[in-house]
């Protein structure tokens, strides 16, 4: 279960990282195009404003010449001032386009900032979660190995204690005839009895795994 959760976390983080990279690249292209467009339109508006301003201030310079007498001239009288009545519409249209570029830049920059902040937070939380689960998985593995080793040691100790108990019980069986042999001298019977008691104590201490018997300490 823990391994499956880690696999999912890694997969989600990899996917989010890839998508964030693609989104960042798209936003960078959009900003580049919008800024270039805004610069071009702004320059065009500036040029047109200068042109129409200068044309409006133009002065008529009329000089008599033989050409003027023989031709109809340029087809208009006075200096050419441009189509002033249309200039407002053209410049206004370009300014609307410039405003659209500016709005695109603002919204794209705001979207990029928000997306980056959300990704940084997701990345931080995901990596912290992955680190925690990796640590738990490692500790669980170590605990399992420790438990297995402890169990093996306990089984080995049990087997050893069982052998000691069997030996003590066999010794008791050997001592029984001497305990009831009345022909044996008193001192020898006392010695055999003490030996039997000592054997019983050793057997008791072997069985006392909890350390209850004070005589075993």
C-alpha atoms as a PDB file:
ATOM      1  CA  UNK A   1       0.000   0.000   0.000  1.00  0.00           C
ATOM      2  CA  UNK A   2       2.822   2.400   0.887  1.00  0.00           C
ATOM      3  CA  UNK A   3       4.725   1.569  -2.291  1.00  0.00           C
ATOM      4  CA  UNK A   4       1.592   2.181  -4.358  1.00  0.00           C
ATOM      5  CA  UNK A   5       1.053   5.577  -2.713  1.00  0.00           C
ATOM      6  CA  UNK A   6       4.667   6.561  -3.418  1.00  0.00           C
ATOM      7  CA  UNK A   7       4.330   5.518  -7.043  1.00  0.00           C
ATOM      8  CA  UNK A   8       1.193   7.661  -7.418  1.00  0.00           C
ATOM      9  CA  UNK A   9       2.869  10.668  -5.791  1.00  0.00           C
ATOM     10  CA  UNK A  10       5.902  10.428  -8.083  1.00  0.00           C
ATOM     11  CA  UNK A  11       3.664  10.058 -11.146  1.00  0.00           C
ATOM     12  CA  UNK A  12       1.483  13.051 -10.210  1.00  0.00           C
ATOM     13  CA  UNK A  13       4.524  15.224  -9.531  1.00  0.00           C
ATOM     14  CA  UNK A  14       6.164  14.268 -12.840  1.00  0.00           C
ATOM     15  CA  UNK A  15       2.947  15.040 -14.741  1.00  0.00           C
ATOM     16  CA  UNK A  16       2.486  18.385 -12.980  1.00  0.00           C
ATOM     17  CA  UNK A  17       6.117  19.330 -13.675  1.00  0.00           C
ATOM     18  CA  UNK A  18       5.738  18.536 -17.377  1.00  0.00           C
ATOM     19  CA  UNK A  19       2.478  20.483 -17.695  1.00  0.00           C
ATOM     20  CA  UNK A  20       3.953  23.453 -15.798  1.00  0.00           C
ATOM     21  CA  UNK A  21       6.895  23.535 -18.183  1.00  0.00           C
ATOM     22  CA  UNK A  22       4.617  23.497 -21.242  1.00  0.00           C
ATOM     23  CA  UNK A  23       2.362  26.188 -19.760  1.00  0.00           C
ATOM     24  CA  UNK A  24       5.341  28.397 -18.924  1.00  0.00           C
ATOM     25  CA  UNK A  25       6.677  28.053 -22.458  1.00  0.00           C
ATOM     26  CA  UNK A  26       3.275  28.955 -23.968  1.00  0.00           C
ATOM     27  CA  UNK A  27       2.964  32.000 -21.709  1.00  0.00           C
ATOM     28  CA  UNK A  28       6.454  33.156 -22.646  1.00  0.00           C
ATOM     29  CA  UNK A  29       5.586  32.969 -26.365  1.00  0.00           C
ATOM     30  CA  UNK A  30       2.316  34.841 -25.823  1.00  0.00           C
ATOM     31  CA  UNK A  31       4.074  37.598 -23.879  1.00  0.00           C
ATOM     32  CA  UNK A  32       6.810  37.918 -26.496  1.00  0.00           C
ATOM     33  CA  UNK A  33       4.300  38.273 -29.336  1.00  0.00           C
ATOM     34  CA  UNK A  34       2.084  40.693 -27.377  1.00  0.00           C
ATOM     35  CA  UNK A  35       5.025  42.919 -26.409  1.00  0.00           C
ATOM     36  CA  UNK A  36       6.356  42.969 -29.954  1.00  0.00           C
ATOM     37  CA  UNK A  37       2.869  43.800 -31.279  1.00  0.00           C
ATOM     38  CA  UNK A  38       2.407  46.566 -28.688  1.00  0.00           C
ATOM     39  CA  UNK A  39       5.761  48.069 -29.582  1.00  0.00           C
ATOM     40  CA  UNK A  40       4.954  48.071 -33.314  1.00  0.00           C
ATOM     41  CA  UNK A  41       1.482  49.565 -32.858  1.00  0.00           C
ATOM     42  CA  UNK A  42       2.748  52.199 -30.426  1.00  0.00           C
ATOM     43  CA  UNK A  43       5.401  53.235 -32.937  1.00  0.00           C
ATOM     44  CA  UNK A  44       2.820  53.412 -35.747  1.00  0.00           C
ATOM     45  CA  UNK A  45       0.519  55.612 -33.656  1.00  0.00           C
ATOM     46  CA  UNK A  46       3.409  57.920 -32.826  1.00  0.00           C
ATOM     47  CA  UNK A  47       4.390  58.278 -36.487  1.00  0.00           C
ATOM     48  CA  UNK A  48       0.813  58.960 -37.601  1.00  0.00           C
ATOM     49  CA  UNK A  49       0.256  61.548 -34.887  1.00  0.00           C
ATOM     50  CA  UNK A  50       3.423  63.392 -35.883  1.00  0.00           C
ATOM     51  CA  UNK A  51       2.492  63.213 -39.559  1.00  0.00           C
ATOM     52  CA  UNK A  52      -1.045  64.557 -39.156  1.00  0.00           C
ATOM     53  CA  UNK A  53       0.117  67.236 -36.733  1.00  0.00           C
ATOM     54  CA  UNK A  54       2.715  68.499 -39.170  1.00  0.00           C
ATOM     55  CA  UNK A  55       0.298  68.304 -42.102  1.00  0.00           C
ATOM     56  CA  UNK A  56      -2.287  70.356 -40.239  1.00  0.00           C
ATOM     57  CA  UNK A  57       0.244  73.120 -39.649  1.00  0.00           C
ATOM     58  CA  UNK A  58       1.472  73.247 -43.220  1.00  0.00           C
ATOM     59  CA  UNK A  59       1.480  76.657 -44.848  1.00  0.00           C
ATOM     60  CA  UNK A  60       0.631  77.429 -48.417  1.00  0.00           C
ATOM     61  CA  UNK A  61       3.564  78.666 -50.416  1.00  0.00           C
ATOM     62  CA  UNK A  62       2.383  79.882 -53.762  1.00  0.00           C
ATOM     63  CA  UNK A  63       4.748  81.172 -56.310  1.00  0.00           C
ATOM     64  CA  UNK A  64       3.916  82.152 -59.848  1.00  0.00           C
ATOM     65  CA  UNK A  65       5.502  80.012 -62.526  1.00  0.00           C
ATOM     66  CA  UNK A  66       4.940  79.255 -66.212  1.00  0.00           C
ATOM     67  CA  UNK A  67       3.895  75.751 -65.277  1.00  0.00           C
ATOM     68  CA  UNK A  68       1.067  77.039 -63.120  1.00  0.00           C
ATOM     69  CA  UNK A  69      -0.223  79.101 -65.950  1.00  0.00           C
ATOM     70  CA  UNK A  70      -0.303  76.209 -68.412  1.00  0.00           C
ATOM     71  CA  UNK A  71      -1.560  73.391 -66.121  1.00  0.00           C
ATOM     72  CA  UNK A  72      -4.274  72.780 -63.606  1.00  0.00           C
ATOM     73  CA  UNK A  73      -1.665  72.103 -60.912  1.00  0.00           C
ATOM     74  CA  UNK A  74      -1.773  69.205 -58.448  1.00  0.00           C
ATOM     75  CA  UNK A  75      -5.534  69.080 -58.380  1.00  0.00           C
ATOM     76  CA  UNK A  76      -5.965  70.916 -55.066  1.00  0.00           C
ATOM     77  CA  UNK A  77      -5.255  74.381 -53.773  1.00  0.00           C
ATOM     78  CA  UNK A  78      -2.944  75.101 -50.869  1.00  0.00           C
ATOM     79  CA  UNK A  79      -0.603  72.700 -49.027  1.00  0.00           C
ATOM     80  CA  UNK A  80      -1.565  69.019 -48.626  1.00  0.00           C
ATOM     81  CA  UNK A  81      -2.737  68.537 -45.035  1.00  0.00           C
ATOM     82  CA  UNK A  82      -3.647  64.878 -45.183  1.00  0.00           C
ATOM     83  CA  UNK A  83      -7.130  63.476 -44.584  1.00  0.00           C
ATOM     84  CA  UNK A  84      -7.529  65.005 -41.148  1.00  0.00           C
ATOM     85  CA  UNK A  85     -11.128  63.803 -40.793  1.00  0.00           C
ATOM     86  CA  UNK A  86      -9.997  60.171 -41.073  1.00  0.00           C
ATOM     87  CA  UNK A  87      -6.914  60.461 -38.891  1.00  0.00           C
ATOM     88  CA  UNK A  88      -8.889  60.181 -35.657  1.00  0.00           C
ATOM     89  CA  UNK A  89     -10.487  56.915 -36.753  1.00  0.00           C
ATOM     90  CA  UNK A  90      -7.217  55.302 -37.849  1.00  0.00           C
ATOM     91  CA  UNK A  91      -5.316  56.330 -34.732  1.00  0.00           C
ATOM     92  CA  UNK A  92      -8.257  55.298 -32.535  1.00  0.00           C
ATOM     93  CA  UNK A  93      -8.312  51.835 -34.110  1.00  0.00           C
ATOM     94  CA  UNK A  94      -4.580  51.407 -33.523  1.00  0.00           C
ATOM     95  CA  UNK A  95      -4.944  52.538 -29.924  1.00  0.00           C
ATOM     96  CA  UNK A  96      -7.659  49.885 -29.387  1.00  0.00           C
ATOM     97  CA  UNK A  97      -5.283  47.257 -30.777  1.00  0.00           C
ATOM     98  CA  UNK A  98      -2.547  48.532 -28.461  1.00  0.00           C
ATOM     99  CA  UNK A  99      -4.976  48.302 -25.532  1.00  0.00           C
ATOM    100  CA  UNK A 100      -5.738  44.666 -26.461  1.00  0.00           C
ATOM    101  CA  UNK A 101      -2.020  43.873 -26.456  1.00  0.00           C
ATOM    102  CA  UNK A 102      -1.612  45.533 -23.055  1.00  0.00           C
ATOM    103  CA  UNK A 103      -4.535  43.535 -21.628  1.00  0.00           C
ATOM    104  CA  UNK A 104      -3.061  40.301 -23.024  1.00  0.00           C
ATOM    105  CA  UNK A 105       0.263  41.103 -21.349  1.00  0.00           C
ATOM    106  CA  UNK A 106      -1.392  41.840 -17.985  1.00  0.00           C
ATOM    107  CA  UNK A 107      -3.615  38.750 -17.947  1.00  0.00           C
ATOM    108  CA  UNK A 108      -0.831  36.437 -19.160  1.00  0.00           C
ATOM    109  CA  UNK A 109       1.628  37.719 -16.559  1.00  0.00           C
ATOM    110  CA  UNK A 110      -0.996  37.348 -13.815  1.00  0.00           C
ATOM    111  CA  UNK A 111      -1.877  33.821 -14.979  1.00  0.00           C
ATOM    112  CA  UNK A 112       1.804  32.840 -15.127  1.00  0.00           C
ATOM    113  CA  UNK A 113       2.451  34.185 -11.625  1.00  0.00           C
ATOM    114  CA  UNK A 114      -0.542  32.331 -10.161  1.00  0.00           C
ATOM    115  CA  UNK A 115       0.297  29.077 -11.956  1.00  0.00           C
ATOM    116  CA  UNK A 116       3.911  29.233 -10.754  1.00  0.00           C
ATOM    117  CA  UNK A 117       2.864  29.882  -7.145  1.00  0.00           C
ATOM    118  CA  UNK A 118       0.407  26.965  -7.226  1.00  0.00           C
ATOM    119  CA  UNK A 119       3.020  24.661  -8.746  1.00  0.00           C
ATOM    120  CA  UNK A 120       5.651  25.636  -6.162  1.00  0.00           C
ATOM    121  CA  UNK A 121       3.186  24.838  -3.373  1.00  0.00           C
ATOM    122  CA  UNK A 122       2.174  21.522  -4.978  1.00  0.00           C
ATOM    123  CA  UNK A 123       5.825  20.626  -5.532  1.00  0.00           C
ATOM    124  CA  UNK A 124       6.691  21.415  -1.897  1.00  0.00           C
ATOM    125  CA  UNK A 125       3.784  19.432  -0.451  1.00  0.00           C
ATOM    126  CA  UNK A 126       4.353  16.476  -2.780  1.00  0.00           C
ATOM    127  CA  UNK A 127       8.066  16.231  -2.040  1.00  0.00           C
ATOM    128  CA  UNK A 128       7.422  16.488   1.702  1.00  0.00           C
ATOM    129  CA  UNK A 129       4.837  13.701   1.438  1.00  0.00           C
ATOM    130  CA  UNK A 130       7.205  11.567  -0.640  1.00  0.00           C
ATOM    131  CA  UNK A 131      10.035  12.129   1.839  1.00  0.00           C
ATOM    132  CA  UNK A 132       7.815  11.156   4.772  1.00  0.00           C
ATOM    133  CA  UNK A 133       6.564   8.001   3.096  1.00  0.00           C
ATOM    134  CA  UNK A 134      10.086   7.038   1.965  1.00  0.00           C
ATOM    135  CA  UNK A 135      11.310   7.378   5.540  1.00  0.00           C
ATOM    136  CA  UNK A 136       8.403   5.323   6.883  1.00  0.00           C
ATOM    137  CA  UNK A 137       9.016   2.641   4.258  1.00  0.00           C
ATOM    138  CA  UNK A 138      12.688   2.466   5.242  1.00  0.00           C
ATOM    139  CA  UNK A 139      11.880   2.282   8.958  1.00  0.00           C
ATOM    140  CA  UNK A 140       9.219  -0.362   8.361  1.00  0.00           C
ATOM    141  CA  UNK A 141      11.785  -2.420   6.467  1.00  0.00           C
ATOM    142  CA  UNK A 142      14.304  -2.030   9.280  1.00  0.00           C
ATOM    143  CA  UNK A 143      11.665  -2.950  11.871  1.00  0.00           C
ATOM    144  CA  UNK A 144      10.802  -6.079   9.910  1.00  0.00           C
ATOM    145  CA  UNK A 145      14.448  -7.147   9.759  1.00  0.00           C
ATOM    146  CA  UNK A 146      14.880  -6.408  13.487  1.00  0.00           C
ATOM    147  CA  UNK A 147      11.752  -8.385  14.338  1.00  0.00           C
ATOM    148  CA  UNK A 148      12.900 -11.326  12.238  1.00  0.00           C
ATOM    149  CA  UNK A 149      16.330 -11.289  13.876  1.00  0.00           C
ATOM    150  CA  UNK A 150      14.799 -11.015  17.345  1.00  0.00           C
ATOM    151  CA  UNK A 151      12.443 -13.878  16.622  1.00  0.00           C
ATOM    152  CA  UNK A 152      15.302 -16.032  15.367  1.00  0.00           C
ATOM    153  CA  UNK A 153      17.318 -15.235  18.520  1.00  0.00           C
ATOM    154  CA  UNK A 154      14.344 -16.021  20.772  1.00  0.00           C
ATOM    155  CA  UNK A 155      13.847 -19.355  19.051  1.00  0.00           C
ATOM    156  CA  UNK A 156      17.519 -20.117  19.452  1.00  0.00           C
ATOM    157  CA  UNK A 157      17.384 -19.195  23.159  1.00  0.00           C
ATOM    158  CA  UNK A 158      14.264 -21.310  23.619  1.00  0.00           C
ATOM    159  CA  UNK A 159      15.938 -24.282  22.032  1.00  0.00           C
ATOM    160  CA  UNK A 160      19.009 -23.815  24.254  1.00  0.00           C
ATOM    161  CA  UNK A 161      16.873 -23.443  27.387  1.00  0.00           C
ATOM    162  CA  UNK A 162      14.877 -26.496  26.447  1.00  0.00           C
ATOM    163  CA  UNK A 163      18.072 -28.529  26.270  1.00  0.00           C
ATOM    164  CA  UNK A 164      19.137 -27.231  29.703  1.00  0.00           C
ATOM    165  CA  UNK A 165      15.731 -28.094  31.131  1.00  0.00           C
ATOM    166  CA  UNK A 166      15.851 -31.571  29.663  1.00  0.00           C
ATOM    167  CA  UNK A 167      19.290 -32.057  31.193  1.00  0.00           C
ATOM    168  CA  UNK A 168      18.042 -30.903  34.613  1.00  0.00           C
ATOM    169  CA  UNK A 169      15.034 -33.207  34.451  1.00  0.00           C
ATOM    170  CA  UNK A 170      17.261 -36.155  33.547  1.00  0.00           C
ATOM    171  CA  UNK A 171      19.460 -35.317  36.485  1.00  0.00           C
ATOM    172  CA  UNK A 172      16.420 -35.354  38.777  1.00  0.00           C
ATOM    173  CA  UNK A 173      15.459 -38.780  37.479  1.00  0.00           C
ATOM    174  CA  UNK A 174      18.942 -40.011  38.313  1.00  0.00           C
ATOM    175  CA  UNK A 175      18.681 -38.613  41.852  1.00  0.00           C
ATOM    176  CA  UNK A 176      15.329 -40.227  42.726  1.00  0.00           C
ATOM    177  CA  UNK A 177      16.701 -43.670  43.708  1.00  0.00           C
ATOM    178  CA  UNK A 178      19.198 -42.135  46.104  1.00  0.00           C
ATOM    179  CA  UNK A 179      16.468 -40.097  47.815  1.00  0.00           C
ATOM    180  CA  UNK A 180      14.579 -43.209  48.855  1.00  0.00           C
ATOM    181  CA  UNK A 181      17.597 -45.463  49.517  1.00  0.00           C
ATOM    182  CA  UNK A 182      17.578 -45.770  53.344  1.00  0.00           C
ATOM    183  CA  UNK A 183      20.789 -47.786  53.363  1.00  0.00           C
ATOM    184  CA  UNK A 184      22.697 -44.716  52.147  1.00  0.00           C
ATOM    185  CA  UNK A 185      24.505 -42.848  54.933  1.00  0.00           C
ATOM    186  CA  UNK A 186      22.752 -39.764  56.283  1.00  0.00           C
ATOM    187  CA  UNK A 187      25.404 -37.340  55.143  1.00  0.00           C
ATOM    188  CA  UNK A 188      25.293 -38.761  51.616  1.00  0.00           C
ATOM    189  CA  UNK A 189      21.498 -38.517  51.516  1.00  0.00           C
ATOM    190  CA  UNK A 190      21.663 -34.859  52.642  1.00  0.00           C
ATOM    191  CA  UNK A 191      24.224 -34.086  49.952  1.00  0.00           C
ATOM    192  CA  UNK A 192      22.096 -35.803  47.287  1.00  0.00           C
ATOM    193  CA  UNK A 193      18.998 -33.907  48.481  1.00  0.00           C
ATOM    194  CA  UNK A 194      20.817 -30.580  48.285  1.00  0.00           C
ATOM    195  CA  UNK A 195      21.996 -31.509  44.820  1.00  0.00           C
ATOM    196  CA  UNK A 196      18.394 -32.290  43.867  1.00  0.00           C
ATOM    197  CA  UNK A 197      17.190 -28.955  45.257  1.00  0.00           C
ATOM    198  CA  UNK A 198      19.910 -27.137  43.307  1.00  0.00           C
ATOM    199  CA  UNK A 199      18.839 -28.957  40.138  1.00  0.00           C
ATOM    200  CA  UNK A 200      15.227 -27.956  40.771  1.00  0.00           C
ATOM    201  CA  UNK A 201      16.275 -24.329  41.249  1.00  0.00           C
ATOM    202  CA  UNK A 202      18.204 -24.372  37.973  1.00  0.00           C
ATOM    203  CA  UNK A 203      15.151 -25.773  36.181  1.00  0.00           C
ATOM    204  CA  UNK A 204      12.970 -23.099  37.781  1.00  0.00           C
ATOM    205  CA  UNK A 205      15.345 -20.328  36.694  1.00  0.00           C
ATOM    206  CA  UNK A 206      15.350 -21.635  33.134  1.00  0.00           C
ATOM    207  CA  UNK A 207      11.555 -21.400  33.050  1.00  0.00           C
ATOM    208  CA  UNK A 208      11.530 -17.963  34.763  1.00  0.00           C
ATOM    209  CA  UNK A 209      11.854 -15.806  31.572  1.00  0.00           C
ATOM    210  CA  UNK A 210      10.135 -12.846  33.281  1.00  0.00           C
ATOM    211  CA  UNK A 211      12.678 -12.676  36.132  1.00  0.00           C
ATOM    212  CA  UNK A 212      10.105 -13.190  38.894  1.00  0.00           C
ATOM    213  CA  UNK A 213      12.246 -15.526  41.004  1.00  0.00           C
ATOM    214  CA  UNK A 214      14.719 -13.481  43.052  1.00  0.00           C
ATOM    215  CA  UNK A 215      16.881 -16.522  43.663  1.00  0.00           C
ATOM    216  CA  UNK A 216      17.802 -16.596  39.974  1.00  0.00           C
ATOM    217  CA  UNK A 217      19.376 -13.118  40.002  1.00  0.00           C
END
